[in-house]
Amino acid sequence: MSGIGDSPTVPDTEELIHRVIEIIDGTRALPLSSSVKLDNKDEVLELLEEASHRLPEETRQARWLLKERDEYLAKMQREGDGLVQEARLQAERMVQRTEIVREAQQTARRIVEDARDEARRLRLEAEDYCDQKLAAFEVVLDRTIKTVAAGREKLSMTPPPILDGPDTGIAGVEDEGSGVEEAFFDQDRP
């Protein structure tokens, strides 16, 4: 084994194959022939054998690395998909919240408008009620004023009562059979 054990580091399969290629590339052609003479056949065979022994191990390691890489990529893809899904859900929640806020604002505006309309209606009804009551009171008050004025006018036209003496009883009124009319004001009499 010339050259294999000489190196302080163990060459990998690729290096072994490159060394075989260099050896074959450096061979001389036989005179008057296309054939080549391989002087170090044993070394080439040894390198190829070593490469063939290492190849399954390196292939296994490469497959393991590929599997690890695929698992890592799949994990990253799942995490990425999860992040995208979470972002979508977050965006949907934000849209829903925005929509809920918008609906709440519309509902609040509608409630305030309805309350204002109801307050306006109640105020107008109260004003109409008060106006009706004041009009009725005005009619009663006007009649009362007219009655008071008529009564005062009658009082001013009626002569004062005549007093007959201390023993007559009521001033201005004679006994029942005397025929003298009452001297007091009677508002029902015209």
N, C-alpha and C. Protein backbone atom coordinates (compact mmCIF):
# COMPACT_ATOMS: atom_id res chain seq x y z
N MET A 1 0.84 -1.18 0.00
CA MET A 1 0.00 0.00 0.00
C MET A 1 0.87 1.22 0.00
N SER A 2 1.35 1.57 -1.09
CA SER A 2 2.22 2.74 -1.13
C SER A 2 1.38 3.98 -1.25
N GLY A 3 1.54 4.83 -0.34
CA GLY A 3 0.88 6.13 -0.40
C GLY A 3 -0.36 6.22 0.44
N ILE A 4 -1.05 5.17 0.76
CA ILE A 4 -2.30 5.28 1.51
C ILE A 4 -2.00 5.54 2.96
N GLY A 5 -1.14 4.78 3.55
CA GLY A 5 -0.83 4.95 4.95
C GLY A 5 0.15 6.06 5.21
N ASP A 6 0.74 6.67 4.14
CA ASP A 6 1.74 7.71 4.32
C ASP A 6 1.12 9.03 4.76
N SER A 7 -0.12 9.26 4.42
CA SER A 7 -0.76 10.55 4.70
C SER A 7 -1.21 10.60 6.14
N PRO A 8 -0.98 11.76 6.85
CA PRO A 8 -1.42 11.84 8.23
C PRO A 8 -2.94 11.85 8.34
N THR A 9 -3.68 12.36 7.35
CA THR A 9 -5.14 12.33 7.38
C THR A 9 -5.61 11.28 6.40
N VAL A 10 -6.69 10.60 6.73
CA VAL A 10 -7.23 9.55 5.88
C VAL A 10 -8.00 10.21 4.75
N PRO A 11 -7.64 9.91 3.49
CA PRO A 11 -8.34 10.53 2.37
C PRO A 11 -9.75 9.96 2.23
N ASP A 12 -10.67 10.80 1.73
CA ASP A 12 -12.03 10.32 1.53
C ASP A 12 -12.12 9.64 0.16
N THR A 13 -13.24 9.09 -0.16
CA THR A 13 -13.43 8.32 -1.39
C THR A 13 -13.15 9.16 -2.62
N GLU A 14 -13.57 10.37 -2.60
CA GLU A 14 -13.36 11.25 -3.74
C GLU A 14 -11.87 11.46 -4.01
N GLU A 15 -11.08 11.66 -2.96
CA GLU A 15 -9.63 11.82 -3.12
C GLU A 15 -9.00 10.55 -3.67
N LEU A 16 -9.44 9.40 -3.19
CA LEU A 16 -8.90 8.14 -3.68
C LEU A 16 -9.17 7.98 -5.17
N ILE A 17 -10.38 8.29 -5.59
CA ILE A 17 -10.73 8.18 -7.01
C ILE A 17 -9.91 9.15 -7.84
N HIS A 18 -9.68 10.37 -7.33
CA HIS A 18 -8.86 11.34 -8.06
C HIS A 18 -7.41 10.84 -8.20
N ARG A 19 -6.90 10.19 -7.18
CA ARG A 19 -5.52 9.64 -7.25
C ARG A 19 -5.44 8.55 -8.31
N VAL A 20 -6.49 7.69 -8.39
CA VAL A 20 -6.51 6.64 -9.41
C VAL A 20 -6.53 7.28 -10.80
N ILE A 21 -7.34 8.33 -10.94
CA ILE A 21 -7.42 9.04 -12.23
C ILE A 21 -6.06 9.62 -12.59
N GLU A 22 -5.35 10.19 -11.62
CA GLU A 22 -4.02 10.77 -11.88
C GLU A 22 -3.03 9.67 -12.30
N ILE A 23 -3.09 8.55 -11.63
CA ILE A 23 -2.17 7.45 -11.96
C ILE A 23 -2.42 6.97 -13.38
N ILE A 24 -3.71 6.75 -13.73
CA ILE A 24 -4.03 6.25 -15.07
C ILE A 24 -3.70 7.31 -16.11
N ASP A 25 -3.92 8.55 -15.76
CA ASP A 25 -3.63 9.64 -16.68
C ASP A 25 -2.12 9.77 -16.93
N GLY A 26 -1.32 9.41 -15.94
CA GLY A 26 0.13 9.55 -16.06
C GLY A 26 0.81 8.31 -16.67
N THR A 27 0.09 7.30 -17.07
CA THR A 27 0.70 6.11 -17.66
C THR A 27 1.17 6.38 -19.08
N ARG A 28 2.20 5.61 -19.48
CA ARG A 28 2.77 5.79 -20.82
C ARG A 28 2.16 4.78 -21.76
N ALA A 29 2.00 5.20 -22.99
CA ALA A 29 1.51 4.29 -24.02
C ALA A 29 2.67 3.39 -24.49
N LEU A 30 2.37 2.17 -24.83
CA LEU A 30 3.38 1.23 -25.32
C LEU A 30 3.75 1.64 -26.76
N PRO A 31 5.03 1.42 -27.09
CA PRO A 31 5.43 1.82 -28.45
C PRO A 31 4.64 1.01 -29.49
N LEU A 32 4.24 1.69 -30.52
CA LEU A 32 3.51 1.17 -31.66
C LEU A 32 2.19 0.52 -31.24
N SER A 33 1.58 1.00 -30.17
CA SER A 33 0.33 0.42 -29.69
C SER A 33 -0.48 1.53 -29.00
N SER A 34 -1.78 1.27 -28.93
CA SER A 34 -2.63 2.21 -28.20
C SER A 34 -2.79 1.78 -26.76
N SER A 35 -2.27 0.65 -26.41
CA SER A 35 -2.33 0.14 -25.04
C SER A 35 -1.34 0.90 -24.18
N VAL A 36 -1.68 0.94 -22.88
CA VAL A 36 -0.82 1.61 -21.92
C VAL A 36 -0.26 0.59 -20.96
N LYS A 37 0.88 0.92 -20.41
CA LYS A 37 1.51 0.04 -19.44
C LYS A 37 1.28 0.64 -18.07
N LEU A 38 0.65 -0.15 -17.19
CA LEU A 38 0.35 0.32 -15.84
C LEU A 38 1.42 -0.28 -14.94
N ASP A 39 2.37 0.55 -14.50
CA ASP A 39 3.48 0.09 -13.68
C ASP A 39 3.02 -0.17 -12.24
N ASN A 40 2.12 0.57 -11.71
CA ASN A 40 1.72 0.45 -10.31
C ASN A 40 0.29 -0.06 -10.20
N LYS A 41 0.04 -1.19 -10.80
CA LYS A 41 -1.26 -1.83 -10.81
C LYS A 41 -1.74 -2.12 -9.39
N ASP A 42 -0.85 -2.58 -8.54
CA ASP A 42 -1.25 -2.90 -7.17
C ASP A 42 -1.74 -1.67 -6.42
N GLU A 43 -1.08 -0.57 -6.65
CA GLU A 43 -1.48 0.68 -5.97
C GLU A 43 -2.87 1.10 -6.43
N VAL A 44 -3.14 1.00 -7.74
CA VAL A 44 -4.44 1.38 -8.28
C VAL A 44 -5.52 0.46 -7.71
N LEU A 45 -5.27 -0.82 -7.69
CA LEU A 45 -6.25 -1.75 -7.15
C LEU A 45 -6.52 -1.47 -5.66
N GLU A 46 -5.45 -1.20 -4.94
CA GLU A 46 -5.60 -0.90 -3.51
C GLU A 46 -6.44 0.37 -3.31
N LEU A 47 -6.18 1.38 -4.10
CA LEU A 47 -6.97 2.63 -3.99
C LEU A 47 -8.43 2.37 -4.34
N LEU A 48 -8.68 1.60 -5.37
CA LEU A 48 -10.07 1.33 -5.76
C LEU A 48 -10.80 0.50 -4.71
N GLU A 49 -10.07 -0.48 -4.12
CA GLU A 49 -10.67 -1.28 -3.06
C GLU A 49 -11.02 -0.42 -1.85
N GLU A 50 -10.08 0.42 -1.48
CA GLU A 50 -10.33 1.33 -0.33
C GLU A 50 -11.53 2.23 -0.62
N ALA A 51 -11.60 2.74 -1.84
CA ALA A 51 -12.73 3.61 -2.21
C ALA A 51 -14.03 2.84 -2.17
N SER A 52 -14.00 1.58 -2.63
CA SER A 52 -15.25 0.80 -2.63
C SER A 52 -15.69 0.47 -1.21
N HIS A 53 -14.72 0.30 -0.27
CA HIS A 53 -15.09 0.05 1.13
C HIS A 53 -15.66 1.30 1.78
N ARG A 54 -15.12 2.41 1.43
CA ARG A 54 -15.59 3.67 2.04
C ARG A 54 -16.90 4.16 1.42
N LEU A 55 -17.13 3.82 0.21
CA LEU A 55 -18.29 4.33 -0.50
C LEU A 55 -19.61 4.03 0.21
N PRO A 56 -19.87 2.79 0.68
CA PRO A 56 -21.15 2.55 1.38
C PRO A 56 -21.28 3.40 2.65
N GLU A 57 -20.19 3.56 3.40
CA GLU A 57 -20.25 4.37 4.62
C GLU A 57 -20.55 5.83 4.29
N GLU A 58 -19.83 6.34 3.30
CA GLU A 58 -20.06 7.75 2.90
C GLU A 58 -21.44 7.93 2.30
N THR A 59 -21.86 6.92 1.54
CA THR A 59 -23.22 6.99 0.98
C THR A 59 -24.25 7.00 2.10
N ARG A 60 -24.03 6.14 3.11
CA ARG A 60 -24.93 6.11 4.26
C ARG A 60 -24.95 7.47 4.97
N GLN A 61 -23.76 8.05 5.15
CA GLN A 61 -23.68 9.36 5.79
C GLN A 61 -24.36 10.44 4.94
N ALA A 62 -24.14 10.33 3.61
CA ALA A 62 -24.77 11.31 2.71
C ALA A 62 -26.29 11.17 2.76
N ARG A 63 -26.74 9.92 2.75
CA ARG A 63 -28.20 9.70 2.85
C ARG A 63 -28.73 10.24 4.18
N TRP A 64 -27.98 9.98 5.26
CA TRP A 64 -28.40 10.48 6.57
C TRP A 64 -28.45 12.00 6.56
N LEU A 65 -27.39 12.63 5.95
CA LEU A 65 -27.38 14.09 5.86
C LEU A 65 -28.55 14.60 5.01
N LEU A 66 -28.83 13.92 3.90
CA LEU A 66 -29.97 14.31 3.06
C LEU A 66 -31.28 14.16 3.83
N LYS A 67 -31.39 13.05 4.57
CA LYS A 67 -32.60 12.84 5.37
C LYS A 67 -32.73 13.93 6.44
N GLU A 68 -31.63 14.22 7.11
CA GLU A 68 -31.63 15.30 8.11
C GLU A 68 -32.02 16.63 7.47
N ARG A 69 -31.43 16.88 6.30
CA ARG A 69 -31.74 18.13 5.60
C ARG A 69 -33.22 18.18 5.23
N ASP A 70 -33.75 17.08 4.69
CA ASP A 70 -35.17 17.03 4.30
C ASP A 70 -36.07 17.21 5.51
N GLU A 71 -35.71 16.55 6.63
CA GLU A 71 -36.51 16.71 7.85
C GLU A 71 -36.45 18.14 8.34
N TYR A 72 -35.26 18.72 8.28
CA TYR A 72 -35.11 20.11 8.72
C TYR A 72 -35.92 21.04 7.82
N LEU A 73 -35.84 20.82 6.50
CA LEU A 73 -36.62 21.64 5.56
C LEU A 73 -38.12 21.45 5.79
N ALA A 74 -38.53 20.19 6.04
CA ALA A 74 -39.95 19.94 6.30
C ALA A 74 -40.38 20.64 7.58
N LYS A 75 -39.52 20.58 8.61
CA LYS A 75 -39.84 21.26 9.88
C LYS A 75 -39.94 22.76 9.66
N MET A 76 -38.99 23.31 8.92
CA MET A 76 -39.02 24.74 8.64
C MET A 76 -40.24 25.11 7.80
N GLN A 77 -40.60 24.22 6.87
CA GLN A 77 -41.80 24.46 6.05
C GLN A 77 -43.04 24.46 6.93
N ARG A 78 -43.12 23.47 7.86
CA ARG A 78 -44.28 23.42 8.78
C ARG A 78 -44.33 24.67 9.64
N GLU A 79 -43.16 25.07 10.17
CA GLU A 79 -43.13 26.28 10.99
C GLU A 79 -43.51 27.50 10.18
N GLY A 80 -42.99 27.55 8.94
CA GLY A 80 -43.34 28.68 8.06
C GLY A 80 -44.82 28.69 7.75
N ASP A 81 -45.38 27.49 7.45
CA ASP A 81 -46.82 27.39 7.19
C ASP A 81 -47.62 27.79 8.43
N GLY A 82 -47.11 27.35 9.59
CA GLY A 82 -47.79 27.73 10.84
C GLY A 82 -47.76 29.23 11.05
N LEU A 83 -46.62 29.85 10.77
CA LEU A 83 -46.52 31.31 10.92
C LEU A 83 -47.45 32.02 9.94
N VAL A 84 -47.49 31.51 8.71
CA VAL A 84 -48.38 32.12 7.71
C VAL A 84 -49.83 31.96 8.15
N GLN A 85 -50.18 30.75 8.63
CA GLN A 85 -51.55 30.51 9.09
C GLN A 85 -51.89 31.41 10.28
N GLU A 86 -50.96 31.52 11.22
CA GLU A 86 -51.18 32.40 12.38
C GLU A 86 -51.35 33.84 11.94
N ALA A 87 -50.53 34.25 10.96
CA ALA A 87 -50.65 35.62 10.45
C ALA A 87 -52.01 35.83 9.79
N ARG A 88 -52.46 34.81 9.04
CA ARG A 88 -53.79 34.92 8.41
C ARG A 88 -54.88 35.03 9.46
N LEU A 89 -54.78 34.16 10.49
CA LEU A 89 -55.78 34.20 11.56
C LEU A 89 -55.77 35.55 12.28
N GLN A 90 -54.56 36.05 12.53
CA GLN A 90 -54.42 37.37 13.17
C GLN A 90 -55.05 38.45 12.30
N ALA A 91 -54.77 38.38 11.01
CA ALA A 91 -55.34 39.36 10.09
C ALA A 91 -56.86 39.25 10.07
N GLU A 92 -57.38 38.01 10.07
CA GLU A 92 -58.83 37.83 10.09
C GLU A 92 -59.43 38.38 11.38
N ARG A 93 -58.75 38.11 12.50
CA ARG A 93 -59.25 38.65 13.78
C ARG A 93 -59.26 40.17 13.76
N MET A 94 -58.20 40.73 13.19
CA MET A 94 -58.13 42.19 13.14
C MET A 94 -59.24 42.74 12.24
N VAL A 95 -59.49 42.05 11.12
CA VAL A 95 -60.56 42.48 10.22
C VAL A 95 -61.90 42.34 10.93
N GLN A 96 -62.08 41.22 11.66
CA GLN A 96 -63.33 41.02 12.39
C GLN A 96 -63.50 42.09 13.46
N ARG A 97 -62.40 42.37 14.19
CA ARG A 97 -62.49 43.42 15.21
C ARG A 97 -62.83 44.74 14.57
N THR A 98 -62.19 45.02 13.44
CA THR A 98 -62.48 46.27 12.73
C THR A 98 -63.93 46.28 12.30
N GLU A 99 -64.42 45.15 11.80
CA GLU A 99 -65.80 45.05 11.36
C GLU A 99 -66.73 45.19 12.56
N ILE A 100 -66.39 44.56 13.68
CA ILE A 100 -67.22 44.68 14.89
C ILE A 100 -67.25 46.12 15.37
N VAL A 101 -66.09 46.77 15.36
CA VAL A 101 -66.03 48.18 15.78
C VAL A 101 -66.88 49.03 14.85
N ARG A 102 -66.76 48.77 13.54
CA ARG A 102 -67.55 49.54 12.58
C ARG A 102 -69.04 49.33 12.81
N GLU A 103 -69.45 48.06 13.02
CA GLU A 103 -70.86 47.78 13.28
C GLU A 103 -71.31 48.42 14.58
N ALA A 104 -70.46 48.38 15.60
CA ALA A 104 -70.81 49.00 16.89
C ALA A 104 -70.97 50.51 16.72
N GLN A 105 -70.09 51.11 15.94
CA GLN A 105 -70.20 52.55 15.71
C GLN A 105 -71.48 52.88 14.96
N GLN A 106 -71.82 52.07 13.95
CA GLN A 106 -73.06 52.30 13.21
C GLN A 106 -74.27 52.12 14.12
N THR A 107 -74.22 51.09 14.95
CA THR A 107 -75.33 50.86 15.89
C THR A 107 -75.44 52.02 16.87
N ALA A 108 -74.30 52.48 17.38
CA ALA A 108 -74.31 53.61 18.32
C ALA A 108 -74.88 54.86 17.65
N ARG A 109 -74.46 55.12 16.40
CA ARG A 109 -75.01 56.30 15.69
C ARG A 109 -76.51 56.17 15.51
N ARG A 110 -76.96 54.96 15.14
CA ARG A 110 -78.39 54.75 14.93
C ARG A 110 -79.15 54.94 16.25
N ILE A 111 -78.60 54.41 17.35
CA ILE A 111 -79.27 54.56 18.66
C ILE A 111 -79.34 56.03 19.06
N VAL A 112 -78.25 56.76 18.85
CA VAL A 112 -78.24 58.19 19.20
C VAL A 112 -79.25 58.95 18.34
N GLU A 113 -79.31 58.63 17.03
CA GLU A 113 -80.28 59.29 16.16
C GLU A 113 -81.70 58.96 16.59
N ASP A 114 -81.95 57.69 16.92
CA ASP A 114 -83.29 57.29 17.38
C ASP A 114 -83.65 58.02 18.68
N ALA A 115 -82.66 58.12 19.58
CA ALA A 115 -82.90 58.82 20.86
C ALA A 115 -83.21 60.29 20.61
N ARG A 116 -82.47 60.90 19.69
CA ARG A 116 -82.73 62.32 19.37
C ARG A 116 -84.12 62.48 18.77
N ASP A 117 -84.48 61.57 17.86
CA ASP A 117 -85.82 61.64 17.25
C ASP A 117 -86.90 61.47 18.31
N GLU A 118 -86.70 60.51 19.22
CA GLU A 118 -87.67 60.27 20.28
C GLU A 118 -87.76 61.49 21.22
N ALA A 119 -86.61 62.08 21.55
CA ALA A 119 -86.60 63.27 22.42
C ALA A 119 -87.32 64.43 21.73
N ARG A 120 -87.05 64.58 20.42
CA ARG A 120 -87.72 65.66 19.66
C ARG A 120 -89.23 65.43 19.64
N ARG A 121 -89.66 64.18 19.42
CA ARG A 121 -91.08 63.85 19.40
C ARG A 121 -91.72 64.11 20.76
N LEU A 122 -91.03 63.64 21.83
CA LEU A 122 -91.57 63.86 23.18
C LEU A 122 -91.64 65.35 23.52
N ARG A 123 -90.62 66.12 23.12
CA ARG A 123 -90.63 67.56 23.38
C ARG A 123 -91.80 68.23 22.66
N LEU A 124 -92.03 67.86 21.39
CA LEU A 124 -93.14 68.44 20.64
C LEU A 124 -94.47 68.05 21.25
N GLU A 125 -94.60 66.78 21.68
CA GLU A 125 -95.83 66.36 22.34
C GLU A 125 -96.04 67.12 23.64
N ALA A 126 -94.96 67.31 24.41
CA ALA A 126 -95.07 68.05 25.67
C ALA A 126 -95.46 69.50 25.40
N GLU A 127 -94.86 70.09 24.37
CA GLU A 127 -95.21 71.48 24.03
C GLU A 127 -96.67 71.57 23.61
N ASP A 128 -97.14 70.61 22.80
CA ASP A 128 -98.56 70.60 22.39
C ASP A 128 -99.47 70.45 23.60
N TYR A 129 -99.13 69.54 24.51
CA TYR A 129 -99.93 69.31 25.71
C TYR A 129 -100.00 70.59 26.55
N CYS A 130 -98.81 71.19 26.77
CA CYS A 130 -98.77 72.43 27.57
C CYS A 130 -99.56 73.53 26.89
N ASP A 131 -99.45 73.64 25.56
CA ASP A 131 -100.18 74.67 24.83
C ASP A 131 -101.69 74.45 24.97
N GLN A 132 -102.14 73.18 24.89
CA GLN A 132 -103.56 72.88 25.05
C GLN A 132 -104.04 73.25 26.46
N LYS A 133 -103.25 72.86 27.47
CA LYS A 133 -103.64 73.16 28.86
C LYS A 133 -103.64 74.67 29.10
N LEU A 134 -102.63 75.37 28.57
CA LEU A 134 -102.59 76.82 28.74
C LEU A 134 -103.75 77.50 28.01
N ALA A 135 -104.12 76.98 26.83
CA ALA A 135 -105.27 77.54 26.09
C ALA A 135 -106.55 77.34 26.89
N ALA A 136 -106.72 76.14 27.46
CA ALA A 136 -107.92 75.88 28.27
C ALA A 136 -107.91 76.77 29.51
N PHE A 137 -106.73 76.90 30.13
CA PHE A 137 -106.63 77.77 31.30
C PHE A 137 -106.91 79.23 30.91
N GLU A 138 -106.45 79.61 29.73
CA GLU A 138 -106.69 80.98 29.25
C GLU A 138 -108.19 81.23 29.08
N VAL A 139 -108.91 80.22 28.54
CA VAL A 139 -110.36 80.37 28.37
C VAL A 139 -111.02 80.51 29.74
N VAL A 140 -110.64 79.63 30.69
CA VAL A 140 -111.21 79.70 32.04
C VAL A 140 -110.86 81.04 32.68
N LEU A 141 -109.61 81.44 32.54
CA LEU A 141 -109.16 82.70 33.13
C LEU A 141 -109.90 83.88 32.50
N ASP A 142 -110.08 83.82 31.18
CA ASP A 142 -110.80 84.90 30.49
C ASP A 142 -112.24 84.98 31.00
N ARG A 143 -112.90 83.84 31.16
CA ARG A 143 -114.27 83.83 31.69
C ARG A 143 -114.28 84.37 33.12
N THR A 144 -113.27 83.95 33.92
CA THR A 144 -113.20 84.41 35.30
C THR A 144 -113.02 85.91 35.35
N ILE A 145 -112.12 86.42 34.48
CA ILE A 145 -111.89 87.87 34.44
C ILE A 145 -113.17 88.60 34.04
N LYS A 146 -113.88 88.05 33.05
CA LYS A 146 -115.13 88.69 32.62
C LYS A 146 -116.17 88.65 33.74
N THR A 147 -116.25 87.54 34.46
CA THR A 147 -117.20 87.41 35.56
C THR A 147 -116.85 88.39 36.68
N VAL A 148 -115.53 88.47 36.98
CA VAL A 148 -115.09 89.40 38.02
C VAL A 148 -115.40 90.84 37.60
N ALA A 149 -115.14 91.16 36.35
CA ALA A 149 -115.39 92.52 35.86
C ALA A 149 -116.88 92.83 35.91
N ALA A 150 -117.71 91.85 35.51
CA ALA A 150 -119.16 92.07 35.55
C ALA A 150 -119.63 92.23 36.99
N GLY A 151 -119.08 91.41 37.88
CA GLY A 151 -119.46 91.51 39.28
C GLY A 151 -119.05 92.85 39.87
N ARG A 152 -117.88 93.31 39.52
CA ARG A 152 -117.42 94.61 40.03
C ARG A 152 -118.29 95.74 39.47
N GLU A 153 -118.67 95.58 38.24
CA GLU A 153 -119.50 96.62 37.63
C GLU A 153 -120.87 96.67 38.32
N LYS A 154 -121.43 95.50 38.61
CA LYS A 154 -122.70 95.46 39.32
C LYS A 154 -122.57 96.04 40.71
N LEU A 155 -121.46 95.73 41.35
CA LEU A 155 -121.25 96.26 42.68
C LEU A 155 -121.16 97.78 42.66
N SER A 156 -120.55 98.27 41.66
CA SER A 156 -120.41 99.72 41.61
C SER A 156 -121.75 100.38 41.29
N MET A 157 -122.68 99.68 40.70
CA MET A 157 -123.98 100.26 40.38
C MET A 157 -125.00 100.03 41.49
N THR A 158 -124.83 99.11 42.32
CA THR A 158 -125.79 98.80 43.38
C THR A 158 -125.61 99.81 44.51
N PRO A 159 -126.71 100.37 45.02
CA PRO A 159 -126.58 101.34 46.10
C PRO A 159 -126.20 100.63 47.40
N PRO A 160 -125.58 101.33 48.25
CA PRO A 160 -125.18 100.72 49.52
C PRO A 160 -126.39 100.32 50.34
N PRO A 161 -126.30 99.32 51.16
CA PRO A 161 -127.45 98.85 51.93
C PRO A 161 -127.87 99.89 52.98
N ILE A 162 -129.13 99.89 53.25
CA ILE A 162 -129.68 100.82 54.24
C ILE A 162 -129.78 100.08 55.56
N LEU A 163 -129.29 100.76 56.58
CA LEU A 163 -129.34 100.14 57.89
C LEU A 163 -130.57 100.66 58.62
N ASP A 164 -131.38 99.83 59.16
CA ASP A 164 -132.61 100.24 59.79
C ASP A 164 -132.46 100.43 61.28
N GLY A 165 -131.75 99.88 61.87
CA GLY A 165 -131.66 100.06 63.30
C GLY A 165 -131.02 98.84 63.92
N PRO A 166 -130.79 99.00 65.20
CA PRO A 166 -130.06 97.92 65.84
C PRO A 166 -130.89 96.66 66.05
N ASP A 167 -132.15 96.72 66.05
CA ASP A 167 -132.92 95.54 66.37
C ASP A 167 -133.46 94.81 65.14
N THR A 168 -133.11 95.24 63.96
CA THR A 168 -133.68 94.64 62.75
C THR A 168 -133.05 93.31 62.40
N GLY A 169 -131.96 92.99 62.90
CA GLY A 169 -131.29 91.72 62.56
C GLY A 169 -130.22 91.94 61.53
N ILE A 170 -130.50 91.60 60.34
CA ILE A 170 -129.51 91.73 59.27
C ILE A 170 -129.70 93.08 58.62
N ALA A 171 -128.58 93.72 58.32
CA ALA A 171 -128.64 95.05 57.76
C ALA A 171 -129.15 94.97 56.34
N GLY A 172 -130.09 95.84 56.00
CA GLY A 172 -130.62 95.95 54.65
C GLY A 172 -131.65 94.92 54.31
N VAL A 173 -132.00 94.04 55.24
CA VAL A 173 -132.97 93.01 54.91
C VAL A 173 -134.11 93.15 55.91
N GLU A 174 -135.30 93.23 55.38
CA GLU A 174 -136.46 93.32 56.25
C GLU A 174 -137.00 91.95 56.51
N ASP A 175 -137.94 91.89 57.38
CA ASP A 175 -138.53 90.60 57.68
C ASP A 175 -139.13 90.00 56.43
N GLU A 176 -139.41 88.74 56.52
CA GLU A 176 -139.81 88.00 55.33
C GLU A 176 -141.13 88.49 54.77
N GLY A 177 -141.92 88.86 55.43
CA GLY A 177 -143.23 89.23 54.91
C GLY A 177 -143.31 90.68 54.53
N SER A 178 -142.33 91.49 54.64
CA SER A 178 -142.42 92.92 54.43
C SER A 178 -142.43 93.28 52.96
N GLY A 179 -141.89 92.44 52.04
CA GLY A 179 -141.92 92.76 50.63
C GLY A 179 -140.73 93.54 50.15
N VAL A 180 -139.78 93.82 51.01
CA VAL A 180 -138.58 94.57 50.57
C VAL A 180 -137.58 93.56 50.01
N GLU A 181 -136.99 93.93 48.91
CA GLU A 181 -136.03 93.01 48.26
C GLU A 181 -134.71 93.06 48.98
N GLU A 182 -133.97 92.04 48.68
CA GLU A 182 -132.64 91.88 49.25
C GLU A 182 -131.72 92.96 48.72
N ALA A 183 -130.88 93.51 49.59
CA ALA A 183 -129.98 94.56 49.16
C ALA A 183 -128.60 94.02 48.79
N PHE A 184 -128.37 92.74 48.93
CA PHE A 184 -127.06 92.15 48.59
C PHE A 184 -126.95 91.81 47.12
N PHE A 185 -125.72 91.71 46.64
CA PHE A 185 -125.42 91.39 45.25
C PHE A 185 -125.63 89.90 45.02
N ASP A 186 -126.37 89.59 43.96
CA ASP A 186 -126.55 88.20 43.56
C ASP A 186 -125.97 88.08 42.15
N GLN A 187 -124.88 87.32 41.99
CA GLN A 187 -124.19 87.27 40.70
C GLN A 187 -124.94 86.49 39.65
N ASP A 188 -125.84 85.65 40.07
CA ASP A 188 -126.58 84.85 39.10
C ASP A 188 -127.74 85.62 38.50
N ARG A 189 -128.09 86.70 39.16
CA ARG A 189 -129.23 87.48 38.70
C ARG A 189 -128.74 88.50 37.68
N PRO A 190 -129.44 88.64 36.57
CA PRO A 190 -129.01 89.63 35.56
C PRO A 190 -129.29 91.05 35.92
